[in-house]
Protein backbone atom coordinates (compact mmCIF):
# COMPACT_ATOMS: atom_id res chain seq x y z
CA UNK A 1 0.97 0.95 7.39
CA UNK A 2 2.12 -0.47 4.10
CA UNK A 3 5.38 -2.15 3.39
CA UNK A 4 7.37 -1.15 0.33
CA UNK A 5 6.40 -3.40 -2.51
CA UNK A 6 2.76 -3.72 -1.55
CA UNK A 7 0.09 -3.12 -4.16
CA UNK A 8 -1.94 -0.15 -3.10
CA UNK A 9 -4.81 2.00 -4.37
CA UNK A 10 -5.77 5.62 -3.54
CA UNK A 11 -9.35 5.67 -2.27
CA UNK A 12 -10.01 9.12 -3.71
CA UNK A 13 -8.49 9.21 -7.23
CA UNK A 14 -8.37 5.44 -7.93
CA UNK A 15 -4.65 5.65 -8.81
CA UNK A 16 -3.03 2.31 -8.18
CA UNK A 17 0.40 0.78 -8.27
CA UNK A 18 3.24 -0.50 -6.05
CA UNK A 19 4.46 1.41 -2.92
CA UNK A 20 8.10 2.33 -3.70
CA UNK A 21 8.90 5.04 -1.18
CA UNK A 22 7.85 6.26 2.16
CA UNK A 23 8.45 9.69 3.82
CA UNK A 24 7.75 10.37 7.55
CA UNK A 25 7.64 14.03 8.49
CA UNK A 26 8.41 15.66 11.88
CA UNK A 27 4.83 16.37 12.84
CA UNK A 28 3.38 13.04 11.90
CA UNK A 29 2.45 13.23 8.22
CA UNK A 30 3.35 9.98 6.49
CA UNK A 31 3.40 9.98 2.59
CA UNK A 32 3.76 7.01 0.40
CA UNK A 33 5.29 7.14 -3.11
CA UNK A 34 3.24 5.02 -5.51
CA UNK A 35 4.52 3.91 -8.93
CA UNK A 36 1.87 2.94 -11.48
CA UNK A 37 2.16 -0.15 -13.67
CA UNK A 38 1.04 1.82 -16.60
CA UNK A 39 3.49 3.88 -18.67
CA UNK A 40 3.11 7.39 -20.03
CA UNK A 41 5.61 8.30 -22.77
CA UNK A 42 7.57 5.12 -21.96
CA UNK A 43 7.96 6.09 -18.21
CA UNK A 44 6.00 4.87 -15.12
CA UNK A 45 4.01 7.54 -13.30
CA UNK A 46 4.98 8.27 -9.67
CA UNK A 47 2.68 10.06 -7.17
CA UNK A 48 2.86 10.79 -3.49
CA UNK A 49 -0.20 10.13 -1.37
CA UNK A 50 -1.13 10.48 2.32
CA UNK A 51 -0.82 6.97 3.89
CA UNK A 52 -4.41 7.09 5.27
CA UNK A 53 -5.77 7.52 1.80
CA UNK A 54 -4.41 4.22 0.50
CA UNK A 55 -6.04 0.80 0.60
CA UNK A 56 -4.30 -2.58 0.26
CA UNK A 57 -4.90 -3.85 -3.22
CA UNK A 58 -3.18 -7.21 -2.70
CA UNK A 59 -5.59 -9.96 -1.63
CA UNK A 60 -2.88 -12.68 -1.52
CA UNK A 61 -2.21 -12.53 2.31
CA UNK A 62 -2.09 -16.33 2.78
CA UNK A 63 0.38 -18.11 4.93
CA UNK A 64 3.15 -16.81 7.02
CA UNK A 65 2.85 -14.93 10.34
CA UNK A 66 -0.55 -13.60 11.15
CA UNK A 67 -1.37 -10.66 13.38
CA UNK A 68 -4.12 -12.61 15.22
CA UNK A 69 -4.11 -16.36 15.37
CA UNK A 70 -7.29 -18.14 14.11
CA UNK A 71 -9.80 -18.92 16.90
CA UNK A 72 -10.54 -22.67 17.51
CA UNK A 73 -13.76 -24.20 18.64
CA UNK A 74 -13.02 -25.78 22.12
CA UNK A 75 -15.34 -28.76 21.61
C-alpha cells in the first residue's frame, strides 16, 4: 500500500510519478492515480494503475518509525 505523495513506478509500462489519488472498489480492486513529473502540452499526465503493479520509487526511507525494529547482536 502506498501513501499519497509517494513516488511510484508502474512495473509493466515504466510510467512513473507521484501517487495523487486512490480508489478502493467494493470487490477489492484498489487503483492508484499517478501524476507524471513530465508535461505534455503544458499539463501533467495522469494515469490510473492497479496498486499491485506499482513499485516504490523512493529510496529515502531513513529515520522515523519502522515496521520492524533492527535486530541487535546479544553479545
